[in-house]
């Protein structure tokens, strides 16, 4: 009797698979040059249904179910929710963008457009 239950994947094997372009290449991990973990950092969470600013509170991987659990806190409401990602599911679920990168882009854009902004304020009335 065959079962369709996937063989549990150890976390070390999953991480090793992420470095290769194999069946888990649809997964991405939080990469940072900082020595501390990416917890307690602000992110823009983008999903099919919208976007929101969140704080990543925790990441956990369950070897038995093959799912990644992200604990997220909504910055506006303060509510905490868990987002479960099946490592076998290749469909788009979410993207996390570091909030500091967004602030940096907006800041750089506002500096480069300062001179052009004045032109928008000049109106010619006839």
PDB file of N, CA and C in Angstrom:
ATOM      1  N   UNK A   1       0.837  -1.187   0.000  1.00  0.00           N
ATOM      2  CA  UNK A   1       0.000   0.000   0.000  1.00  0.00           C
ATOM      3  C   UNK A   1       0.877   1.245   0.000  1.00  0.00           C
ATOM      4  N   UNK A   2       0.711   2.079  -1.019  1.00  0.00           N
ATOM      5  CA  UNK A   2       1.503   3.305  -1.130  1.00  0.00           C
ATOM      6  C   UNK A   2       0.754   4.461  -0.496  1.00  0.00           C
ATOM      7  N   UNK A   3       1.527   5.364   0.092  1.00  0.00           N
ATOM      8  CA  UNK A   3       0.931   6.583   0.637  1.00  0.00           C
ATOM      9  C   UNK A   3       1.563   7.765  -0.070  1.00  0.00           C
ATOM     10  N   UNK A   4       0.814   8.849  -0.148  1.00  0.00           N
ATOM     11  CA  UNK A   4       1.310  10.068  -0.782  1.00  0.00           C
ATOM     12  C   UNK A   4       1.936  11.012   0.223  1.00  0.00           C
ATOM     13  N   UNK A   5       2.171  10.536   1.439  1.00  0.00           N
ATOM     14  CA  UNK A   5       2.776  11.357   2.466  1.00  0.00           C
ATOM     15  C   UNK A   5       4.245  11.581   2.127  1.00  0.00           C
ATOM     16  N   UNK A   6       4.654  12.870   2.008  1.00  0.00           N
ATOM     17  CA  UNK A   6       6.055  13.120   1.686  1.00  0.00           C
ATOM     18  C   UNK A   6       6.980  12.720   2.824  1.00  0.00           C
ATOM     19  N   UNK A   7       8.164  12.303   2.460  1.00  0.00           N
ATOM     20  CA  UNK A   7       9.172  11.961   3.452  1.00  0.00           C
ATOM     21  C   UNK A   7       9.586  13.242   4.175  1.00  0.00           C
ATOM     22  N   UNK A   8       9.647  13.216   5.510  1.00  0.00           N
ATOM     23  CA  UNK A   8      10.060  14.421   6.232  1.00  0.00           C
ATOM     24  C   UNK A   8      11.437  14.898   5.767  1.00  0.00           C
ATOM     25  N   UNK A   9      11.563  16.190   5.590  1.00  0.00           N
ATOM     26  CA  UNK A   9      12.818  16.796   5.144  1.00  0.00           C
ATOM     27  C   UNK A   9      13.437  17.527   6.328  1.00  0.00           C
ATOM     28  N   UNK A  10      14.633  17.134   6.704  1.00  0.00           N
ATOM     29  CA  UNK A  10      15.346  17.775   7.807  1.00  0.00           C
ATOM     30  C   UNK A  10      15.707  19.204   7.414  1.00  0.00           C
ATOM     31  N   UNK A  11      15.788  20.080   8.404  1.00  0.00           N
ATOM     32  CA  UNK A  11      16.063  21.489   8.144  1.00  0.00           C
ATOM     33  C   UNK A  11      17.419  21.669   7.456  1.00  0.00           C
ATOM     34  N   UNK A  12      18.418  20.891   7.825  1.00  0.00           N
ATOM     35  CA  UNK A  12      19.729  20.992   7.178  1.00  0.00           C
ATOM     36  C   UNK A  12      19.649  20.623   5.699  1.00  0.00           C
ATOM     37  N   UNK A  13      18.850  19.596   5.389  1.00  0.00           N
ATOM     38  CA  UNK A  13      18.670  19.194   3.992  1.00  0.00           C
ATOM     39  C   UNK A  13      17.934  20.279   3.204  1.00  0.00           C
ATOM     40  N   UNK A  14      16.930  20.904   3.848  1.00  0.00           N
ATOM     41  CA  UNK A  14      16.196  21.980   3.189  1.00  0.00           C
ATOM     42  C   UNK A  14      17.118  23.149   2.879  1.00  0.00           C
ATOM     43  N   UNK A  15      17.915  23.550   3.832  1.00  0.00           N
ATOM     44  CA  UNK A  15      18.840  24.671   3.621  1.00  0.00           C
ATOM     45  C   UNK A  15      19.855  24.324   2.545  1.00  0.00           C
ATOM     46  N   UNK A  16      20.368  23.092   2.556  1.00  0.00           N
ATOM     47  CA  UNK A  16      21.286  22.661   1.506  1.00  0.00           C
ATOM     48  C   UNK A  16      20.640  22.684   0.147  1.00  0.00           C
ATOM     49  N   UNK A  17      19.367  22.323   0.069  1.00  0.00           N
ATOM     50  CA  UNK A  17      18.645  22.326  -1.204  1.00  0.00           C
ATOM     51  C   UNK A  17      18.406  23.730  -1.724  1.00  0.00           C
ATOM     52  N   UNK A  18      18.293  24.699  -0.822  1.00  0.00           N
ATOM     53  CA  UNK A  18      18.056  26.072  -1.255  1.00  0.00           C
ATOM     54  C   UNK A  18      19.245  26.638  -2.027  1.00  0.00           C
ATOM     55  N   UNK A  19      20.447  26.149  -1.723  1.00  0.00           N
ATOM     56  CA  UNK A  19      21.640  26.661  -2.398  1.00  0.00           C
ATOM     57  C   UNK A  19      21.791  26.071  -3.794  1.00  0.00           C
ATOM     58  N   UNK A  20      21.081  25.007  -4.063  1.00  0.00           N
ATOM     59  CA  UNK A  20      21.098  24.391  -5.389  1.00  0.00           C
ATOM     60  C   UNK A  20      19.817  24.789  -6.114  1.00  0.00           C
ATOM     61  N   UNK A  21      19.842  24.754  -7.397  1.00  0.00           N
ATOM     62  CA  UNK A  21      18.625  25.039  -8.143  1.00  0.00           C
ATOM     63  C   UNK A  21      17.876  23.740  -8.373  1.00  0.00           C
ATOM     64  N   UNK A  22      17.233  23.263  -7.332  1.00  0.00           N
ATOM     65  CA  UNK A  22      16.486  22.021  -7.469  1.00  0.00           C
ATOM     66  C   UNK A  22      15.013  22.255  -7.161  1.00  0.00           C
ATOM     67  N   UNK A  23      14.342  21.258  -6.637  1.00  0.00           N
ATOM     68  CA  UNK A  23      12.898  21.355  -6.472  1.00  0.00           C
ATOM     69  C   UNK A  23      12.439  22.372  -5.434  1.00  0.00           C
ATOM     70  N   UNK A  24      13.346  22.958  -4.661  1.00  0.00           N
ATOM     71  CA  UNK A  24      12.969  23.981  -3.687  1.00  0.00           C
ATOM     72  C   UNK A  24      13.445  25.372  -4.105  1.00  0.00           C
ATOM     73  N   UNK A  25      13.724  25.559  -5.389  1.00  0.00           N
ATOM     74  CA  UNK A  25      14.208  26.867  -5.823  1.00  0.00           C
ATOM     75  C   UNK A  25      13.127  27.942  -5.771  1.00  0.00           C
ATOM     76  N   UNK A  26      11.876  27.563  -5.530  1.00  0.00           N
ATOM     77  CA  UNK A  26      10.799  28.542  -5.379  1.00  0.00           C
ATOM     78  C   UNK A  26      10.802  29.175  -3.988  1.00  0.00           C
ATOM     79  N   UNK A  27      11.560  28.594  -3.071  1.00  0.00           N
ATOM     80  CA  UNK A  27      11.654  29.145  -1.721  1.00  0.00           C
ATOM     81  C   UNK A  27      12.827  30.106  -1.637  1.00  0.00           C
ATOM     82  N   UNK A  28      12.676  31.127  -0.859  1.00  0.00           N
ATOM     83  CA  UNK A  28      13.768  32.057  -0.592  1.00  0.00           C
ATOM     84  C   UNK A  28      13.840  32.222   0.912  1.00  0.00           C
ATOM     85  N   UNK A  29      14.997  32.569   1.386  1.00  0.00           N
ATOM     86  CA  UNK A  29      15.182  32.764   2.819  1.00  0.00           C
ATOM     87  C   UNK A  29      15.512  34.219   3.069  1.00  0.00           C
ATOM     88  N   UNK A  30      15.426  34.627   4.325  1.00  0.00           N
ATOM     89  CA  UNK A  30      15.791  35.981   4.697  1.00  0.00           C
ATOM     90  C   UNK A  30      17.302  36.054   4.784  1.00  0.00           C
ATOM     91  N   UNK A  31      17.899  36.834   3.917  1.00  0.00           N
ATOM     92  CA  UNK A  31      19.342  36.998   3.921  1.00  0.00           C
ATOM     93  C   UNK A  31      19.680  38.377   4.467  1.00  0.00           C
ATOM     94  N   UNK A  32      20.697  38.431   5.279  1.00  0.00           N
ATOM     95  CA  UNK A  32      21.105  39.702   5.842  1.00  0.00           C
ATOM     96  C   UNK A  32      22.610  39.688   6.076  1.00  0.00           C
ATOM     97  N   UNK A  33      23.216  40.850   5.972  1.00  0.00           N
ATOM     98  CA  UNK A  33      24.645  40.935   6.268  1.00  0.00           C
ATOM     99  C   UNK A  33      24.876  41.181   7.757  1.00  0.00           C
ATOM    100  N   UNK A  34      23.800  41.438   8.476  1.00  0.00           N
ATOM    101  CA  UNK A  34      23.905  41.646   9.909  1.00  0.00           C
ATOM    102  C   UNK A  34      24.078  40.310  10.615  1.00  0.00           C
ATOM    103  N   UNK A  35      24.710  40.351  11.776  1.00  0.00           N
ATOM    104  CA  UNK A  35      24.956  39.119  12.521  1.00  0.00           C
ATOM    105  C   UNK A  35      23.723  38.642  13.270  1.00  0.00           C
ATOM    106  N   UNK A  36      22.795  39.556  13.540  1.00  0.00           N
ATOM    107  CA  UNK A  36      21.599  39.131  14.262  1.00  0.00           C
ATOM    108  C   UNK A  36      20.562  38.567  13.297  1.00  0.00           C
ATOM    109  N   UNK A  37      19.641  37.813  13.831  1.00  0.00           N
ATOM    110  CA  UNK A  37      18.590  37.213  13.018  1.00  0.00           C
ATOM    111  C   UNK A  37      17.639  38.298  12.525  1.00  0.00           C
ATOM    112  N   UNK A  38      16.871  37.986  11.479  1.00  0.00           N
ATOM    113  CA  UNK A  38      15.991  39.025  10.928  1.00  0.00           C
ATOM    114  C   UNK A  38      14.737  39.261  11.756  1.00  0.00           C
ATOM    115  N   UNK A  39      14.650  38.677  12.953  1.00  0.00           N
ATOM    116  CA  UNK A  39      13.481  38.878  13.785  1.00  0.00           C
ATOM    117  C   UNK A  39      13.411  40.305  14.275  1.00  0.00           C
ATOM    118  N   UNK A  40      12.193  40.698  14.568  1.00  0.00           N
ATOM    119  CA  UNK A  40      11.917  42.034  15.094  1.00  0.00           C
ATOM    120  C   UNK A  40      12.298  43.121  14.093  1.00  0.00           C
ATOM    121  N   UNK A  41      12.267  42.798  12.817  1.00  0.00           N
ATOM    122  CA  UNK A  41      12.521  43.788  11.780  1.00  0.00           C
ATOM    123  C   UNK A  41      11.225  44.064  11.039  1.00  0.00           C
ATOM    124  N   UNK A  42      11.136  45.259  10.471  1.00  0.00           N
ATOM    125  CA  UNK A  42       9.950  45.662   9.731  1.00  0.00           C
ATOM    126  C   UNK A  42      10.080  45.246   8.268  1.00  0.00           C
ATOM    127  N   UNK A  43       8.964  44.753   7.721  1.00  0.00           N
ATOM    128  CA  UNK A  43       8.908  44.351   6.328  1.00  0.00           C
ATOM    129  C   UNK A  43       7.601  44.818   5.713  1.00  0.00           C
ATOM    130  N   UNK A  44       7.620  45.042   4.414  1.00  0.00           N
ATOM    131  CA  UNK A  44       6.397  45.197   3.656  1.00  0.00           C
ATOM    132  C   UNK A  44       6.058  43.806   3.153  1.00  0.00           C
ATOM    133  N   UNK A  45       4.931  43.262   3.582  1.00  0.00           N
ATOM    134  CA  UNK A  45       4.471  41.946   3.163  1.00  0.00           C
ATOM    135  C   UNK A  45       3.536  42.140   1.980  1.00  0.00           C
ATOM    136  N   UNK A  46       3.874  41.518   0.853  1.00  0.00           N
ATOM    137  CA  UNK A  46       3.058  41.612  -0.356  1.00  0.00           C
ATOM    138  C   UNK A  46       2.498  40.227  -0.650  1.00  0.00           C
ATOM    139  N   UNK A  47       1.162  40.148  -0.786  1.00  0.00           N
ATOM    140  CA  UNK A  47       0.484  38.896  -1.107  1.00  0.00           C
ATOM    141  C   UNK A  47      -0.447  39.133  -2.292  1.00  0.00           C
ATOM    142  N   UNK A  48      -1.118  38.094  -2.736  1.00  0.00           N
ATOM    143  CA  UNK A  48      -2.092  38.241  -3.820  1.00  0.00           C
ATOM    144  C   UNK A  48      -3.238  39.165  -3.439  1.00  0.00           C
ATOM    145  N   UNK A  49      -3.549  39.250  -2.163  1.00  0.00           N
ATOM    146  CA  UNK A  49      -4.704  40.033  -1.726  1.00  0.00           C
ATOM    147  C   UNK A  49      -4.360  41.445  -1.267  1.00  0.00           C
ATOM    148  N   UNK A  50      -3.085  41.813  -1.219  1.00  0.00           N
ATOM    149  CA  UNK A  50      -2.731  43.164  -0.802  1.00  0.00           C
ATOM    150  C   UNK A  50      -1.350  43.243  -0.196  1.00  0.00           C
ATOM    151  N   UNK A  51      -1.167  44.270   0.622  1.00  0.00           N
ATOM    152  CA  UNK A  51       0.128  44.452   1.272  1.00  0.00           C
ATOM    153  C   UNK A  51      -0.078  45.101   2.626  1.00  0.00           C
ATOM    154  N   UNK A  52       0.899  44.924   3.510  1.00  0.00           N
ATOM    155  CA  UNK A  52       0.848  45.531   4.831  1.00  0.00           C
ATOM    156  C   UNK A  52       2.248  45.564   5.422  1.00  0.00           C
ATOM    157  N   UNK A  53       2.437  46.489   6.340  1.00  0.00           N
ATOM    158  CA  UNK A  53       3.699  46.584   7.065  1.00  0.00           C
ATOM    159  C   UNK A  53       3.609  45.663   8.272  1.00  0.00           C
ATOM    160  N   UNK A  54       4.610  44.774   8.412  1.00  0.00           N
ATOM    161  CA  UNK A  54       4.596  43.788   9.486  1.00  0.00           C
ATOM    162  C   UNK A  54       5.960  43.733  10.164  1.00  0.00           C
ATOM    163  N   UNK A  55       5.953  43.141  11.349  1.00  0.00           N
ATOM    164  CA  UNK A  55       7.185  42.818  12.065  1.00  0.00           C
ATOM    165  C   UNK A  55       7.290  41.301  12.072  1.00  0.00           C
ATOM    166  N   UNK A  56       8.427  40.794  11.642  1.00  0.00           N
ATOM    167  CA  UNK A  56       8.667  39.356  11.695  1.00  0.00           C
ATOM    168  C   UNK A  56       9.065  38.997  13.120  1.00  0.00           C
ATOM    169  N   UNK A  57       8.216  38.222  13.794  1.00  0.00           N
ATOM    170  CA  UNK A  57       8.460  37.864  15.180  1.00  0.00           C
ATOM    171  C   UNK A  57       9.221  36.546  15.322  1.00  0.00           C
ATOM    172  N   UNK A  58       8.962  35.592  14.405  1.00  0.00           N
ATOM    173  CA  UNK A  58       9.608  34.294  14.529  1.00  0.00           C
ATOM    174  C   UNK A  58       9.459  33.518  13.227  1.00  0.00           C
ATOM    175  N   UNK A  59      10.399  32.603  12.989  1.00  0.00           N
ATOM    176  CA  UNK A  59      10.350  31.676  11.859  1.00  0.00           C
ATOM    177  C   UNK A  59      10.599  30.285  12.424  1.00  0.00           C
ATOM    178  N   UNK A  60       9.795  29.322  11.988  1.00  0.00           N
ATOM    179  CA  UNK A  60       9.982  27.954  12.439  1.00  0.00           C
ATOM    180  C   UNK A  60       9.711  27.020  11.271  1.00  0.00           C
ATOM    181  N   UNK A  61      10.409  25.904  11.244  1.00  0.00           N
ATOM    182  CA  UNK A  61      10.210  24.893  10.217  1.00  0.00           C
ATOM    183  C   UNK A  61       9.796  23.591  10.878  1.00  0.00           C
ATOM    184  N   UNK A  62       8.678  23.017  10.433  1.00  0.00           N
ATOM    185  CA  UNK A  62       8.199  21.748  10.957  1.00  0.00           C
ATOM    186  C   UNK A  62       8.582  20.650   9.977  1.00  0.00           C
ATOM    187  N   UNK A  63       9.529  19.807  10.359  1.00  0.00           N
ATOM    188  CA  UNK A  63      10.024  18.747   9.478  1.00  0.00           C
ATOM    189  C   UNK A  63       8.949  17.724   9.150  1.00  0.00           C
ATOM    190  N   UNK A  64       8.058  17.452  10.081  1.00  0.00           N
ATOM    191  CA  UNK A  64       7.031  16.431   9.858  1.00  0.00           C
ATOM    192  C   UNK A  64       5.988  16.862   8.831  1.00  0.00           C
ATOM    193  N   UNK A  65       5.584  18.128   8.893  1.00  0.00           N
ATOM    194  CA  UNK A  65       4.565  18.607   7.948  1.00  0.00           C
ATOM    195  C   UNK A  65       5.181  19.236   6.708  1.00  0.00           C
ATOM    196  N   UNK A  66       6.475  19.545   6.751  1.00  0.00           N
ATOM    197  CA  UNK A  66       7.123  20.201   5.621  1.00  0.00           C
ATOM    198  C   UNK A  66       6.613  21.614   5.406  1.00  0.00           C
ATOM    199  N   UNK A  67       6.351  22.317   6.512  1.00  0.00           N
ATOM    200  CA  UNK A  67       5.847  23.685   6.395  1.00  0.00           C
ATOM    201  C   UNK A  67       6.697  24.652   7.219  1.00  0.00           C
ATOM    202  N   UNK A  68       6.769  25.864   6.696  1.00  0.00           N
ATOM    203  CA  UNK A  68       7.465  26.953   7.376  1.00  0.00           C
ATOM    204  C   UNK A  68       6.399  27.825   8.017  1.00  0.00           C
ATOM    205  N   UNK A  69       6.585  28.158   9.275  1.00  0.00           N
ATOM    206  CA  UNK A  69       5.639  29.019   9.989  1.00  0.00           C
ATOM    207  C   UNK A  69       6.306  30.358  10.260  1.00  0.00           C
ATOM    208  N   UNK A  70       5.681  31.420   9.768  1.00  0.00           N
ATOM    209  CA  UNK A  70       6.160  32.775  10.018  1.00  0.00           C
ATOM    210  C   UNK A  70       5.182  33.436  10.990  1.00  0.00           C
ATOM    211  N   UNK A  71       5.677  33.958  12.084  1.00  0.00           N
ATOM    212  CA  UNK A  71       4.845  34.677  13.038  1.00  0.00           C
ATOM    213  C   UNK A  71       5.029  36.164  12.743  1.00  0.00           C
ATOM    214  N   UNK A  72       3.924  36.815  12.379  1.00  0.00           N
ATOM    215  CA  UNK A  72       3.960  38.205  11.932  1.00  0.00           C
ATOM    216  C   UNK A  72       3.046  39.063  12.792  1.00  0.00           C
ATOM    217  N   UNK A  73       3.501  40.282  13.077  1.00  0.00           N
ATOM    218  CA  UNK A  73       2.671  41.237  13.802  1.00  0.00           C
ATOM    219  C   UNK A  73       2.361  42.399  12.877  1.00  0.00           C
ATOM    220  N   UNK A  74       1.085  42.697  12.703  1.00  0.00           N
ATOM    221  CA  UNK A  74       0.656  43.823  11.881  1.00  0.00           C
ATOM    222  C   UNK A  74       1.023  45.122  12.600  1.00  0.00           C
ATOM    223  N   UNK A  75       1.696  46.023  11.916  1.00  0.00           N
ATOM    224  CA  UNK A  75       2.159  47.255  12.559  1.00  0.00           C
ATOM    225  C   UNK A  75       1.020  48.223  12.861  1.00  0.00           C
ATOM    226  N   UNK A  76      -0.057  48.152  12.097  1.00  0.00           N
ATOM    227  CA  UNK A  76      -1.170  49.062  12.311  1.00  0.00           C
ATOM    228  C   UNK A  76      -2.069  48.591  13.460  1.00  0.00           C
ATOM    229  N   UNK A  77      -2.463  47.328  13.444  1.00  0.00           N
ATOM    230  CA  UNK A  77      -3.402  46.824  14.437  1.00  0.00           C
ATOM    231  C   UNK A  77      -2.712  46.217  15.660  1.00  0.00           C
ATOM    232  N   UNK A  78      -1.458  45.786  15.496  1.00  0.00           N
ATOM    233  CA  UNK A  78      -0.750  45.130  16.579  1.00  0.00           C
ATOM    234  C   UNK A  78      -1.084  43.653  16.709  1.00  0.00           C
ATOM    235  N   UNK A  79      -2.018  43.167  15.869  1.00  0.00           N
ATOM    236  CA  UNK A  79      -2.406  41.757  15.929  1.00  0.00           C
ATOM    237  C   UNK A  79      -1.294  40.870  15.390  1.00  0.00           C
ATOM    238  N   UNK A  80      -1.159  39.691  15.997  1.00  0.00           N
ATOM    239  CA  UNK A  80      -0.157  38.712  15.575  1.00  0.00           C
ATOM    240  C   UNK A  80      -0.856  37.558  14.879  1.00  0.00           C
ATOM    241  N   UNK A  81      -0.311  37.155  13.729  1.00  0.00           N
ATOM    242  CA  UNK A  81      -0.863  36.038  12.974  1.00  0.00           C
ATOM    243  C   UNK A  81       0.266  35.111  12.556  1.00  0.00           C
ATOM    244  N   UNK A  82      -0.104  33.855  12.268  1.00  0.00           N
ATOM    245  CA  UNK A  82       0.848  32.882  11.757  1.00  0.00           C
ATOM    246  C   UNK A  82       0.557  32.650  10.286  1.00  0.00           C
ATOM    247  N   UNK A  83       1.620  32.638   9.493  1.00  0.00           N
ATOM    248  CA  UNK A  83       1.516  32.356   8.071  1.00  0.00           C
ATOM    249  C   UNK A  83       2.257  31.054   7.815  1.00  0.00           C
ATOM    250  N   UNK A  84       1.547  30.051   7.309  1.00  0.00           N
ATOM    251  CA  UNK A  84       2.137  28.741   7.059  1.00  0.00           C
ATOM    252  C   UNK A  84       2.418  28.587   5.566  1.00  0.00           C
ATOM    253  N   UNK A  85       3.631  28.169   5.240  1.00  0.00           N
ATOM    254  CA  UNK A  85       4.034  27.963   3.854  1.00  0.00           C
ATOM    255  C   UNK A  85       4.453  26.514   3.663  1.00  0.00           C
ATOM    256  N   UNK A  86       3.759  25.811   2.790  1.00  0.00           N
ATOM    257  CA  UNK A  86       4.089  24.432   2.448  1.00  0.00           C
ATOM    258  C   UNK A  86       5.287  24.468   1.500  1.00  0.00           C
ATOM    259  N   UNK A  87       6.375  23.797   1.847  1.00  0.00           N
ATOM    260  CA  UNK A  87       7.585  23.878   1.020  1.00  0.00           C
ATOM    261  C   UNK A  87       7.402  23.197  -0.333  1.00  0.00           C
ATOM    262  N   UNK A  88       6.384  22.370  -0.478  1.00  0.00           N
ATOM    263  CA  UNK A  88       6.128  21.700  -1.756  1.00  0.00           C
ATOM    264  C   UNK A  88       5.296  22.570  -2.702  1.00  0.00           C
ATOM    265  N   UNK A  89       4.605  23.576  -2.180  1.00  0.00           N
ATOM    266  CA  UNK A  89       3.706  24.418  -2.970  1.00  0.00           C
ATOM    267  C   UNK A  89       4.517  25.482  -3.716  1.00  0.00           C
ATOM    268  N   UNK A  90       4.513  25.414  -5.037  1.00  0.00           N
ATOM    269  CA  UNK A  90       5.297  26.329  -5.856  1.00  0.00           C
ATOM    270  C   UNK A  90       4.529  27.598  -6.223  1.00  0.00           C
ATOM    271  N   UNK A  91       3.272  27.715  -5.807  1.00  0.00           N
ATOM    272  CA  UNK A  91       2.470  28.893  -6.113  1.00  0.00           C
ATOM    273  C   UNK A  91       2.904  30.078  -5.257  1.00  0.00           C
ATOM    274  N   UNK A  92       2.783  31.275  -5.835  1.00  0.00           N
ATOM    275  CA  UNK A  92       3.148  32.505  -5.139  1.00  0.00           C
ATOM    276  C   UNK A  92       2.304  32.673  -3.878  1.00  0.00           C
ATOM    277  N   UNK A  93       2.943  32.942  -2.777  1.00  0.00           N
ATOM    278  CA  UNK A  93       2.246  33.218  -1.524  1.00  0.00           C
ATOM    279  C   UNK A  93       2.546  34.628  -1.019  1.00  0.00           C
ATOM    280  N   UNK A  94       3.839  34.982  -0.983  1.00  0.00           N
ATOM    281  CA  UNK A  94       4.182  36.276  -0.422  1.00  0.00           C
ATOM    282  C   UNK A  94       5.623  36.658  -0.750  1.00  0.00           C
ATOM    283  N   UNK A  95       5.859  37.959  -0.628  1.00  0.00           N
ATOM    284  CA  UNK A  95       7.199  38.534  -0.751  1.00  0.00           C
ATOM    285  C   UNK A  95       7.382  39.474   0.442  1.00  0.00           C
ATOM    286  N   UNK A  96       8.558  39.453   1.023  1.00  0.00           N
ATOM    287  CA  UNK A  96       8.896  40.371   2.109  1.00  0.00           C
ATOM    288  C   UNK A  96       9.952  41.342   1.609  1.00  0.00           C
ATOM    289  N   UNK A  97       9.692  42.639   1.757  1.00  0.00           N
ATOM    290  CA  UNK A  97      10.658  43.668   1.373  1.00  0.00           C
ATOM    291  C   UNK A  97      11.073  44.392   2.648  1.00  0.00           C
ATOM    292  N   UNK A  98      12.366  44.449   2.880  1.00  0.00           N
ATOM    293  CA  UNK A  98      12.884  45.104   4.090  1.00  0.00           C
ATOM    294  C   UNK A  98      12.427  46.563   4.091  1.00  0.00           C
ATOM    295  N   UNK A  99      11.812  46.985   5.176  1.00  0.00           N
ATOM    296  CA  UNK A  99      11.260  48.336   5.279  1.00  0.00           C
ATOM    297  C   UNK A  99      12.345  49.399   5.128  1.00  0.00           C
ATOM    298  N   UNK A 100      13.570  49.090   5.560  1.00  0.00           N
ATOM    299  CA  UNK A 100      14.667  50.065   5.414  1.00  0.00           C
ATOM    300  C   UNK A 100      14.975  50.302   3.945  1.00  0.00           C
ATOM    301  N   UNK A 101      14.834  49.264   3.104  1.00  0.00           N
ATOM    302  CA  UNK A 101      15.059  49.441   1.669  1.00  0.00           C
ATOM    303  C   UNK A 101      14.013  50.367   1.060  1.00  0.00           C
ATOM    304  N   UNK A 102      12.778  50.239   1.506  1.00  0.00           N
ATOM    305  CA  UNK A 102      11.711  51.110   1.004  1.00  0.00           C
ATOM    306  C   UNK A 102      11.979  52.552   1.420  1.00  0.00           C
ATOM    307  N   UNK A 103      12.334  52.749   2.689  1.00  0.00           N
ATOM    308  CA  UNK A 103      12.633  54.104   3.162  1.00  0.00           C
ATOM    309  C   UNK A 103      13.807  54.699   2.387  1.00  0.00           C
ATOM    310  N   UNK A 104      14.814  53.891   2.119  1.00  0.00           N
ATOM    311  CA  UNK A 104      15.982  54.358   1.383  1.00  0.00           C
ATOM    312  C   UNK A 104      15.587  54.760  -0.039  1.00  0.00           C
ATOM    313  N   UNK A 105      14.773  53.960  -0.705  1.00  0.00           N
ATOM    314  CA  UNK A 105      14.342  54.288  -2.068  1.00  0.00           C
ATOM    315  C   UNK A 105      13.546  55.587  -2.098  1.00  0.00           C
ATOM    316  N   UNK A 106      12.642  55.762  -1.146  1.00  0.00           N
ATOM    317  CA  UNK A 106      11.827  56.980  -1.093  1.00  0.00           C
ATOM    318  C   UNK A 106      12.709  58.184  -0.813  1.00  0.00           C
ATOM    319  N   UNK A 107      13.649  58.044   0.113  1.00  0.00           N
ATOM    320  CA  UNK A 107      14.551  59.141   0.445  1.00  0.00           C
ATOM    321  C   UNK A 107      15.399  59.536  -0.764  1.00  0.00           C
ATOM    322  N   UNK A 108      15.992  58.548  -1.434  1.00  0.00           N
ATOM    323  CA  UNK A 108      16.810  58.821  -2.612  1.00  0.00           C
ATOM    324  C   UNK A 108      15.984  59.463  -3.718  1.00  0.00           C
ATOM    325  N   UNK A 109      14.770  58.987  -3.907  1.00  0.00           N
ATOM    326  CA  UNK A 109      13.899  59.539  -4.937  1.00  0.00           C
ATOM    327  C   UNK A 109      13.516  60.976  -4.611  1.00  0.00           C
ATOM    328  N   UNK A 110      13.250  61.261  -3.349  1.00  0.00           N
ATOM    329  CA  UNK A 110      12.868  62.625  -2.975  1.00  0.00           C
ATOM    330  C   UNK A 110      14.044  63.579  -3.143  1.00  0.00           C
ATOM    331  N   UNK A 111      15.272  63.115  -2.892  1.00  0.00           N
ATOM    332  CA  UNK A 111      16.441  63.967  -3.103  1.00  0.00           C
ATOM    333  C   UNK A 111      16.673  64.247  -4.581  1.00  0.00           C
ATOM    334  N   UNK A 112      16.510  63.248  -5.410  1.00  0.00           N
ATOM    335  CA  UNK A 112      16.767  63.420  -6.843  1.00  0.00           C
ATOM    336  C   UNK A 112      15.682  64.228  -7.531  1.00  0.00           C
ATOM    337  N   UNK A 113      14.505  64.325  -6.944  1.00  0.00           N
ATOM    338  CA  UNK A 113      13.403  65.053  -7.580  1.00  0.00           C
ATOM    339  C   UNK A 113      13.136  66.416  -6.969  1.00  0.00           C
ATOM    340  N   UNK A 114      14.006  66.886  -6.108  1.00  0.00           N
ATOM    341  CA  UNK A 114      13.761  68.180  -5.453  1.00  0.00           C
ATOM    342  C   UNK A 114      13.638  69.318  -6.455  1.00  0.00           C
ATOM    343  N   UNK A 115      14.551  69.389  -7.402  1.00  0.00           N
ATOM    344  CA  UNK A 115      14.496  70.485  -8.361  1.00  0.00           C
ATOM    345  C   UNK A 115      13.266  70.371  -9.249  1.00  0.00           C
ATOM    346  N   UNK A 116      12.921  69.171  -9.654  1.00  0.00           N
ATOM    347  CA  UNK A 116      11.765  68.956 -10.509  1.00  0.00           C
ATOM    348  C   UNK A 116      10.446  69.238  -9.806  1.00  0.00           C
ATOM    349  N   UNK A 117      10.428  69.101  -8.491  1.00  0.00           N
ATOM    350  CA  UNK A 117       9.195  69.328  -7.745  1.00  0.00           C
ATOM    351  C   UNK A 117       8.754  70.784  -7.803  1.00  0.00           C
ATOM    352  N   UNK A 118       9.725  71.723  -7.867  1.00  0.00           N
ATOM    353  CA  UNK A 118       9.375  73.128  -7.923  1.00  0.00           C
ATOM    354  C   UNK A 118       8.605  73.452  -9.195  1.00  0.00           C
ATOM    355  N   UNK A 119       8.930  72.790 -10.288  1.00  0.00           N
ATOM    356  CA  UNK A 119       8.236  73.038 -11.539  1.00  0.00           C
ATOM    357  C   UNK A 119       6.769  72.660 -11.439  1.00  0.00           C
ATOM    358  N   UNK A 120       6.466  71.674 -10.639  1.00  0.00           N
ATOM    359  CA  UNK A 120       5.083  71.258 -10.489  1.00  0.00           C
ATOM    360  C   UNK A 120       4.251  72.312  -9.763  1.00  0.00           C
ATOM    361  N   UNK A 121       4.909  73.161  -8.989  1.00  0.00           N
ATOM    362  CA  UNK A 121       4.207  74.186  -8.235  1.00  0.00           C
ATOM    363  C   UNK A 121       3.946  75.444  -9.055  1.00  0.00           C
ATOM    364  N   UNK A 122       4.615  75.613 -10.189  1.00  0.00           N
ATOM    365  CA  UNK A 122       4.420  76.796 -11.028  1.00  0.00           C
ATOM    366  C   UNK A 122       3.270  76.573 -11.987  1.00  0.00           C
ATOM    367  N   UNK A 123       2.267  77.427 -11.887  1.00  0.00           N
ATOM    368  CA  UNK A 123       1.121  77.342 -12.784  1.00  0.00           C
ATOM    369  C   UNK A 123       1.106  78.572 -13.675  1.00  0.00           C
ATOM    370  N   UNK A 124       0.737  78.397 -14.915  1.00  0.00           N
ATOM    371  CA  UNK A 124       0.584  79.515 -15.843  1.00  0.00           C
ATOM    372  C   UNK A 124      -0.906  79.684 -16.100  1.00  0.00           C
ATOM    373  N   UNK A 125      -1.426  80.812 -15.659  1.00  0.00           N
ATOM    374  CA  UNK A 125      -2.838  81.095 -15.885  1.00  0.00           C
ATOM    375  C   UNK A 125      -2.960  81.984 -17.099  1.00  0.00           C
ATOM    376  N   UNK A 126      -3.912  81.707 -17.954  1.00  0.00           N
ATOM    377  CA  UNK A 126      -4.112  82.546 -19.159  1.00  0.00           C
ATOM    378  C   UNK A 126      -5.347  83.372 -19.010  1.00  0.00           C
TER     379      UNK A 126
END
